[in-house]
Amino acid sequence: MGMQLDGPRIEHGPKGYNIVSDGIPTGGIQVPGNGLPLILLADRQTTGGYPKIAAVIGADLPRLVQCRPGTKLRFAAVERAEAVHIARAADEAFRAFMGKMCPAGFAGLDSSELLSVNLVDGVVDARSLGNDAG
């Protein structure tokens, strides 16, 4: 669902932490009643009624979700134009990386070659085990 952040608790205003539910983007940062922020990820709920204070830009989410528990995080505010520029650069880098990928050991893979390769290894016929299962 998300990443629970630890550290100083964020105090809520005089109206409290229950607000009208509204949409939550991937990477949205909510502050529930305990004051410890949550970064909501791919399995998040679609709406929520806690205050949202920020959102992690999409290009930073892959690195964020690979952090080990206890990793210290620092956040920096970025303008929308900068976030778009970062996202486009990340997409370009990903496309360049994927363009260099090819199946290991197969140059020019075709249907007949694919059908000749054992793609499921280690399958055992129960009748060959010497029991009455077959």
N, C-alpha and C. Protein backbone atom coordinates (compact mmCIF):
# COMPACT_ATOMS: atom_id res chain seq x y z
N MET A 1 0.82 -1.19 0.00
CA MET A 1 0.00 0.00 0.00
C MET A 1 0.86 1.25 0.00
N GLY A 2 1.83 1.31 0.91
CA GLY A 2 2.64 2.51 0.96
C GLY A 2 3.84 2.35 1.88
N MET A 3 4.58 3.43 2.02
CA MET A 3 5.75 3.47 2.90
C MET A 3 5.45 4.37 4.08
N GLN A 4 5.58 3.83 5.28
CA GLN A 4 5.40 4.62 6.50
C GLN A 4 6.73 5.30 6.81
N LEU A 5 6.71 6.61 6.92
CA LEU A 5 7.93 7.35 7.26
C LEU A 5 8.01 7.48 8.77
N ASP A 6 9.22 7.52 9.27
CA ASP A 6 9.45 7.67 10.70
C ASP A 6 10.23 8.96 10.91
N GLY A 7 10.05 9.57 12.05
CA GLY A 7 10.74 10.82 12.35
C GLY A 7 9.82 11.70 13.16
N PRO A 8 10.11 12.99 13.19
CA PRO A 8 9.25 13.90 13.95
C PRO A 8 7.82 13.86 13.41
N ARG A 9 6.88 13.83 14.31
CA ARG A 9 5.47 13.79 13.91
C ARG A 9 5.03 15.16 13.41
N ILE A 10 4.17 15.14 12.41
CA ILE A 10 3.62 16.38 11.87
C ILE A 10 2.33 16.69 12.61
N GLU A 11 2.27 17.87 13.17
CA GLU A 11 1.08 18.29 13.92
C GLU A 11 -0.02 18.70 12.96
N HIS A 12 -1.23 18.31 13.30
CA HIS A 12 -2.39 18.72 12.50
C HIS A 12 -2.93 20.04 13.01
N GLY A 13 -3.61 20.75 12.12
CA GLY A 13 -4.21 22.03 12.47
C GLY A 13 -5.39 21.85 13.41
N PRO A 14 -6.01 22.95 13.81
CA PRO A 14 -7.10 22.90 14.78
C PRO A 14 -8.32 22.11 14.30
N LYS A 15 -8.50 21.96 12.99
CA LYS A 15 -9.65 21.20 12.48
C LYS A 15 -9.39 19.70 12.46
N GLY A 16 -8.18 19.27 12.81
CA GLY A 16 -7.87 17.85 12.88
C GLY A 16 -7.43 17.26 11.55
N TYR A 17 -7.42 15.93 11.53
CA TYR A 17 -6.90 15.24 10.35
C TYR A 17 -7.98 14.60 9.48
N ASN A 18 -9.22 14.58 9.92
CA ASN A 18 -10.29 14.02 9.08
C ASN A 18 -10.79 15.09 8.13
N ILE A 19 -10.56 14.87 6.85
CA ILE A 19 -11.03 15.81 5.84
C ILE A 19 -11.92 15.06 4.85
N VAL A 20 -12.55 15.76 3.96
CA VAL A 20 -13.36 15.13 2.93
C VAL A 20 -12.45 14.29 2.04
N SER A 21 -12.87 13.05 1.77
CA SER A 21 -12.07 12.18 0.90
C SER A 21 -11.93 12.77 -0.49
N ASP A 22 -10.73 12.65 -1.01
CA ASP A 22 -10.48 13.07 -2.39
C ASP A 22 -9.43 12.14 -2.99
N GLY A 23 -9.13 12.32 -4.25
CA GLY A 23 -8.23 11.42 -4.96
C GLY A 23 -6.81 11.44 -4.44
N ILE A 24 -6.14 10.31 -4.59
CA ILE A 24 -4.75 10.17 -4.14
C ILE A 24 -3.90 9.71 -5.32
N PRO A 25 -2.91 10.50 -5.72
CA PRO A 25 -2.03 10.06 -6.81
C PRO A 25 -0.99 9.06 -6.31
N THR A 26 -0.44 8.27 -7.20
CA THR A 26 0.69 7.42 -6.83
C THR A 26 1.81 8.33 -6.36
N GLY A 27 2.38 8.03 -5.21
CA GLY A 27 3.44 8.87 -4.64
C GLY A 27 2.91 9.97 -3.74
N GLY A 28 1.59 10.07 -3.61
CA GLY A 28 1.01 11.08 -2.72
C GLY A 28 1.43 10.83 -1.27
N ILE A 29 1.66 11.89 -0.53
CA ILE A 29 2.08 11.77 0.86
C ILE A 29 0.93 12.25 1.75
N GLN A 30 0.36 11.31 2.51
CA GLN A 30 -0.74 11.61 3.43
C GLN A 30 -0.21 11.65 4.85
N VAL A 31 -0.90 12.44 5.68
CA VAL A 31 -0.54 12.48 7.10
C VAL A 31 -1.77 12.05 7.91
N PRO A 32 -1.78 10.79 8.38
CA PRO A 32 -2.91 10.32 9.18
C PRO A 32 -2.85 10.90 10.61
N GLY A 33 -3.77 10.47 11.44
CA GLY A 33 -3.89 11.01 12.79
C GLY A 33 -2.66 10.88 13.66
N ASN A 34 -1.83 9.85 13.43
CA ASN A 34 -0.64 9.68 14.27
C ASN A 34 0.49 10.65 13.92
N GLY A 35 0.33 11.41 12.83
CA GLY A 35 1.32 12.42 12.45
C GLY A 35 2.51 11.89 11.68
N LEU A 36 2.57 10.57 11.43
CA LEU A 36 3.68 10.00 10.67
C LEU A 36 3.25 9.84 9.21
N PRO A 37 3.90 10.55 8.30
CA PRO A 37 3.49 10.55 6.89
C PRO A 37 3.58 9.17 6.25
N LEU A 38 2.71 8.95 5.28
CA LEU A 38 2.69 7.74 4.46
C LEU A 38 2.87 8.15 3.00
N ILE A 39 3.79 7.49 2.30
CA ILE A 39 3.90 7.69 0.86
C ILE A 39 3.09 6.56 0.23
N LEU A 40 2.04 6.92 -0.49
CA LEU A 40 1.13 5.92 -1.05
C LEU A 40 1.62 5.48 -2.42
N LEU A 41 1.64 4.17 -2.63
CA LEU A 41 2.25 3.60 -3.83
C LEU A 41 1.21 2.90 -4.71
N ALA A 42 1.64 1.96 -5.52
CA ALA A 42 0.78 1.35 -6.55
C ALA A 42 -0.47 0.70 -5.98
N ASP A 43 -0.40 0.08 -4.81
CA ASP A 43 -1.56 -0.61 -4.24
C ASP A 43 -2.37 0.27 -3.30
N ARG A 44 -2.23 1.56 -3.44
CA ARG A 44 -2.92 2.49 -2.55
C ARG A 44 -4.42 2.47 -2.83
N GLN A 45 -5.16 3.03 -1.89
CA GLN A 45 -6.58 3.27 -2.15
C GLN A 45 -6.68 4.43 -3.14
N THR A 46 -7.81 4.57 -3.80
CA THR A 46 -7.95 5.62 -4.81
C THR A 46 -8.36 6.96 -4.21
N THR A 47 -8.98 6.92 -3.04
CA THR A 47 -9.35 8.16 -2.36
C THR A 47 -8.97 8.04 -0.90
N GLY A 48 -8.88 9.18 -0.24
CA GLY A 48 -8.55 9.15 1.18
C GLY A 48 -8.92 10.45 1.86
N GLY A 49 -9.15 10.35 3.15
CA GLY A 49 -9.60 11.50 3.91
C GLY A 49 -8.59 12.03 4.91
N TYR A 50 -7.31 11.85 4.65
CA TYR A 50 -6.27 12.48 5.47
C TYR A 50 -5.63 13.58 4.64
N PRO A 51 -5.09 14.58 5.31
CA PRO A 51 -4.42 15.65 4.56
C PRO A 51 -3.26 15.11 3.72
N LYS A 52 -3.12 15.67 2.52
CA LYS A 52 -2.02 15.33 1.63
C LYS A 52 -1.10 16.54 1.56
N ILE A 53 0.18 16.31 1.84
CA ILE A 53 1.10 17.44 1.93
C ILE A 53 2.02 17.57 0.73
N ALA A 54 2.15 16.51 -0.07
CA ALA A 54 3.06 16.55 -1.22
C ALA A 54 2.87 15.28 -2.02
N ALA A 55 3.65 15.15 -3.09
CA ALA A 55 3.69 13.93 -3.88
C ALA A 55 5.12 13.73 -4.38
N VAL A 56 5.57 12.50 -4.37
CA VAL A 56 6.87 12.14 -4.92
C VAL A 56 6.70 12.06 -6.43
N ILE A 57 7.61 12.70 -7.19
CA ILE A 57 7.47 12.66 -8.65
C ILE A 57 7.70 11.23 -9.14
N GLY A 58 7.00 10.89 -10.21
CA GLY A 58 7.03 9.53 -10.74
C GLY A 58 8.42 9.02 -11.05
N ALA A 59 9.29 9.87 -11.55
CA ALA A 59 10.64 9.43 -11.90
C ALA A 59 11.45 8.99 -10.68
N ASP A 60 11.09 9.46 -9.49
CA ASP A 60 11.81 9.09 -8.27
C ASP A 60 11.23 7.86 -7.58
N LEU A 61 10.04 7.42 -7.96
CA LEU A 61 9.40 6.30 -7.27
C LEU A 61 10.19 4.99 -7.36
N PRO A 62 10.75 4.61 -8.53
CA PRO A 62 11.50 3.35 -8.56
C PRO A 62 12.66 3.30 -7.56
N ARG A 63 13.39 4.41 -7.43
CA ARG A 63 14.49 4.44 -6.44
C ARG A 63 13.95 4.42 -5.03
N LEU A 64 12.87 5.15 -4.80
CA LEU A 64 12.28 5.24 -3.46
C LEU A 64 11.86 3.87 -2.95
N VAL A 65 11.17 3.10 -3.76
CA VAL A 65 10.64 1.82 -3.29
C VAL A 65 11.73 0.76 -3.09
N GLN A 66 12.95 1.04 -3.54
CA GLN A 66 14.05 0.11 -3.32
C GLN A 66 14.85 0.44 -2.07
N CYS A 67 14.47 1.51 -1.37
CA CYS A 67 15.19 1.88 -0.15
C CYS A 67 14.95 0.84 0.94
N ARG A 68 15.98 0.58 1.70
CA ARG A 68 15.86 -0.33 2.84
C ARG A 68 15.19 0.38 4.00
N PRO A 69 14.54 -0.36 4.88
CA PRO A 69 13.98 0.26 6.08
C PRO A 69 15.08 1.00 6.84
N GLY A 70 14.77 2.16 7.31
CA GLY A 70 15.73 2.97 8.06
C GLY A 70 16.53 3.93 7.20
N THR A 71 16.39 3.85 5.88
CA THR A 71 17.10 4.77 4.99
C THR A 71 16.61 6.19 5.25
N LYS A 72 17.55 7.12 5.40
CA LYS A 72 17.16 8.52 5.58
C LYS A 72 16.81 9.12 4.23
N LEU A 73 15.67 9.78 4.18
CA LEU A 73 15.20 10.41 2.95
C LEU A 73 15.21 11.92 3.10
N ARG A 74 15.49 12.61 2.01
CA ARG A 74 15.39 14.07 1.98
C ARG A 74 14.53 14.42 0.79
N PHE A 75 13.61 15.32 0.99
CA PHE A 75 12.71 15.74 -0.06
C PHE A 75 13.06 17.16 -0.50
N ALA A 76 12.87 17.44 -1.77
CA ALA A 76 13.09 18.78 -2.30
C ALA A 76 11.90 19.14 -3.17
N ALA A 77 11.43 20.35 -3.04
CA ALA A 77 10.31 20.81 -3.86
C ALA A 77 10.79 21.07 -5.28
N VAL A 78 9.99 20.65 -6.25
CA VAL A 78 10.29 20.94 -7.65
C VAL A 78 9.04 21.53 -8.30
N GLU A 79 9.27 22.39 -9.25
CA GLU A 79 8.16 22.96 -10.01
C GLU A 79 7.66 21.92 -11.01
N ARG A 80 6.46 22.10 -11.48
CA ARG A 80 5.87 21.15 -12.42
C ARG A 80 6.75 20.99 -13.67
N ALA A 81 7.25 22.07 -14.22
CA ALA A 81 8.08 22.01 -15.43
C ALA A 81 9.33 21.16 -15.19
N GLU A 82 9.94 21.29 -14.03
CA GLU A 82 11.13 20.50 -13.71
C GLU A 82 10.77 19.02 -13.58
N ALA A 83 9.63 18.73 -12.95
CA ALA A 83 9.19 17.34 -12.81
C ALA A 83 8.94 16.72 -14.18
N VAL A 84 8.34 17.48 -15.09
CA VAL A 84 8.10 16.99 -16.46
C VAL A 84 9.44 16.73 -17.16
N HIS A 85 10.39 17.64 -17.02
CA HIS A 85 11.71 17.47 -17.63
C HIS A 85 12.39 16.21 -17.08
N ILE A 86 12.33 15.99 -15.78
CA ILE A 86 12.94 14.81 -15.16
C ILE A 86 12.26 13.54 -15.66
N ALA A 87 10.94 13.56 -15.77
CA ALA A 87 10.19 12.39 -16.26
C ALA A 87 10.58 12.06 -17.69
N ARG A 88 10.70 13.08 -18.53
CA ARG A 88 11.07 12.84 -19.94
C ARG A 88 12.49 12.29 -20.04
N ALA A 89 13.41 12.82 -19.25
CA ALA A 89 14.78 12.32 -19.26
C ALA A 89 14.83 10.87 -18.78
N ALA A 90 14.06 10.52 -17.75
CA ALA A 90 14.02 9.15 -17.25
C ALA A 90 13.43 8.22 -18.31
N ASP A 91 12.40 8.66 -19.01
CA ASP A 91 11.79 7.85 -20.07
C ASP A 91 12.77 7.62 -21.21
N GLU A 92 13.50 8.66 -21.57
CA GLU A 92 14.52 8.54 -22.62
C GLU A 92 15.60 7.54 -22.23
N ALA A 93 16.07 7.63 -20.99
CA ALA A 93 17.11 6.71 -20.51
C ALA A 93 16.59 5.28 -20.50
N PHE A 94 15.33 5.09 -20.09
CA PHE A 94 14.75 3.75 -20.06
C PHE A 94 14.62 3.18 -21.48
N ARG A 95 14.15 4.01 -22.41
CA ARG A 95 14.01 3.55 -23.80
C ARG A 95 15.37 3.19 -24.40
N ALA A 96 16.39 3.98 -24.10
CA ALA A 96 17.74 3.68 -24.59
C ALA A 96 18.24 2.36 -24.02
N PHE A 97 17.99 2.13 -22.75
CA PHE A 97 18.38 0.88 -22.10
C PHE A 97 17.66 -0.30 -22.73
N MET A 98 16.35 -0.18 -22.90
CA MET A 98 15.57 -1.27 -23.49
C MET A 98 15.97 -1.54 -24.93
N GLY A 99 16.40 -0.51 -25.66
CA GLY A 99 16.85 -0.68 -27.03
C GLY A 99 18.10 -1.53 -27.15
N LYS A 100 18.86 -1.62 -26.07
CA LYS A 100 20.08 -2.43 -26.07
C LYS A 100 19.83 -3.87 -25.64
N MET A 101 18.63 -4.18 -25.20
CA MET A 101 18.31 -5.51 -24.69
C MET A 101 18.04 -6.47 -25.83
N CYS A 102 18.49 -7.71 -25.66
CA CYS A 102 18.16 -8.78 -26.60
C CYS A 102 18.18 -10.08 -25.81
N PRO A 103 17.45 -11.07 -26.26
CA PRO A 103 17.43 -12.35 -25.54
C PRO A 103 18.82 -12.96 -25.49
N ALA A 104 19.19 -13.50 -24.35
CA ALA A 104 20.51 -14.12 -24.19
C ALA A 104 20.60 -15.38 -25.02
N GLY A 105 21.63 -15.48 -25.83
CA GLY A 105 21.88 -16.68 -26.60
C GLY A 105 21.01 -16.87 -27.84
N PHE A 106 20.11 -15.95 -28.10
CA PHE A 106 19.23 -16.10 -29.26
C PHE A 106 19.36 -14.88 -30.16
N ALA A 107 19.98 -15.03 -31.27
CA ALA A 107 20.03 -13.95 -32.26
C ALA A 107 19.04 -14.32 -33.35
N GLY A 108 18.08 -13.50 -33.60
CA GLY A 108 17.09 -13.79 -34.63
C GLY A 108 16.15 -14.91 -34.23
N LEU A 109 15.57 -14.84 -33.08
CA LEU A 109 14.66 -15.86 -32.57
C LEU A 109 13.43 -15.96 -33.46
N ASP A 110 13.12 -17.17 -33.90
CA ASP A 110 11.91 -17.36 -34.69
C ASP A 110 11.08 -18.48 -34.07
N SER A 111 9.88 -18.72 -34.62
CA SER A 111 8.95 -19.69 -34.04
C SER A 111 9.52 -21.10 -33.96
N SER A 112 10.14 -21.56 -35.01
CA SER A 112 10.65 -22.93 -35.00
C SER A 112 11.76 -23.10 -33.96
N GLU A 113 12.61 -22.09 -33.81
CA GLU A 113 13.65 -22.16 -32.80
C GLU A 113 13.05 -22.12 -31.40
N LEU A 114 12.07 -21.29 -31.20
CA LEU A 114 11.40 -21.18 -29.90
C LEU A 114 10.75 -22.51 -29.52
N LEU A 115 10.10 -23.18 -30.48
CA LEU A 115 9.44 -24.45 -30.20
C LEU A 115 10.43 -25.57 -29.92
N SER A 116 11.68 -25.42 -30.36
CA SER A 116 12.68 -26.46 -30.14
C SER A 116 13.38 -26.33 -28.78
N VAL A 117 13.10 -25.26 -28.06
CA VAL A 117 13.78 -25.00 -26.79
C VAL A 117 12.88 -25.43 -25.63
N ASN A 118 13.47 -26.09 -24.63
CA ASN A 118 12.72 -26.49 -23.44
C ASN A 118 12.55 -25.27 -22.54
N LEU A 119 11.38 -24.66 -22.55
CA LEU A 119 11.14 -23.47 -21.74
C LEU A 119 10.69 -23.81 -20.33
N VAL A 120 10.27 -25.06 -20.12
CA VAL A 120 9.85 -25.50 -18.80
C VAL A 120 10.80 -26.61 -18.40
N ASP A 121 11.67 -26.33 -17.47
CA ASP A 121 12.68 -27.29 -17.07
C ASP A 121 12.31 -27.87 -15.71
N GLY A 122 12.65 -29.11 -15.50
CA GLY A 122 12.44 -29.72 -14.20
C GLY A 122 11.06 -30.32 -14.02
N VAL A 123 10.27 -30.47 -15.07
CA VAL A 123 8.95 -31.07 -14.96
C VAL A 123 9.12 -32.58 -14.86
N VAL A 124 8.41 -33.18 -13.92
CA VAL A 124 8.52 -34.62 -13.69
C VAL A 124 7.16 -35.25 -13.92
N ASP A 125 7.15 -36.37 -14.60
CA ASP A 125 5.93 -37.14 -14.80
C ASP A 125 5.73 -37.97 -13.52
N ALA A 126 4.59 -37.83 -12.88
CA ALA A 126 4.33 -38.53 -11.63
C ALA A 126 4.46 -40.05 -11.79
N ARG A 127 4.16 -40.58 -12.98
CA ARG A 127 4.26 -42.03 -13.21
C ARG A 127 5.69 -42.53 -13.18
N SER A 128 6.65 -41.63 -13.39
CA SER A 128 8.05 -42.05 -13.40
C SER A 128 8.64 -42.10 -12.00
N LEU A 129 7.88 -41.74 -10.98
CA LEU A 129 8.39 -41.71 -9.61
C LEU A 129 8.29 -43.07 -8.94
N GLY A 130 7.63 -44.03 -9.58
CA GLY A 130 7.54 -45.37 -9.00
C GLY A 130 6.45 -45.50 -7.95
N ASN A 131 5.49 -44.61 -7.96
CA ASN A 131 4.39 -44.74 -7.00
C ASN A 131 3.09 -44.93 -7.75
N ASP A 132 2.00 -44.99 -7.06
CA ASP A 132 0.71 -45.23 -7.68
C ASP A 132 -0.02 -43.95 -8.02
N ALA A 133 0.70 -42.82 -8.12
CA ALA A 133 0.05 -41.53 -8.37
C ALA A 133 -0.51 -41.45 -9.79
N GLY A 134 0.03 -42.20 -10.73
CA GLY A 134 -0.36 -42.06 -12.12
C GLY A 134 -1.41 -43.03 -12.49
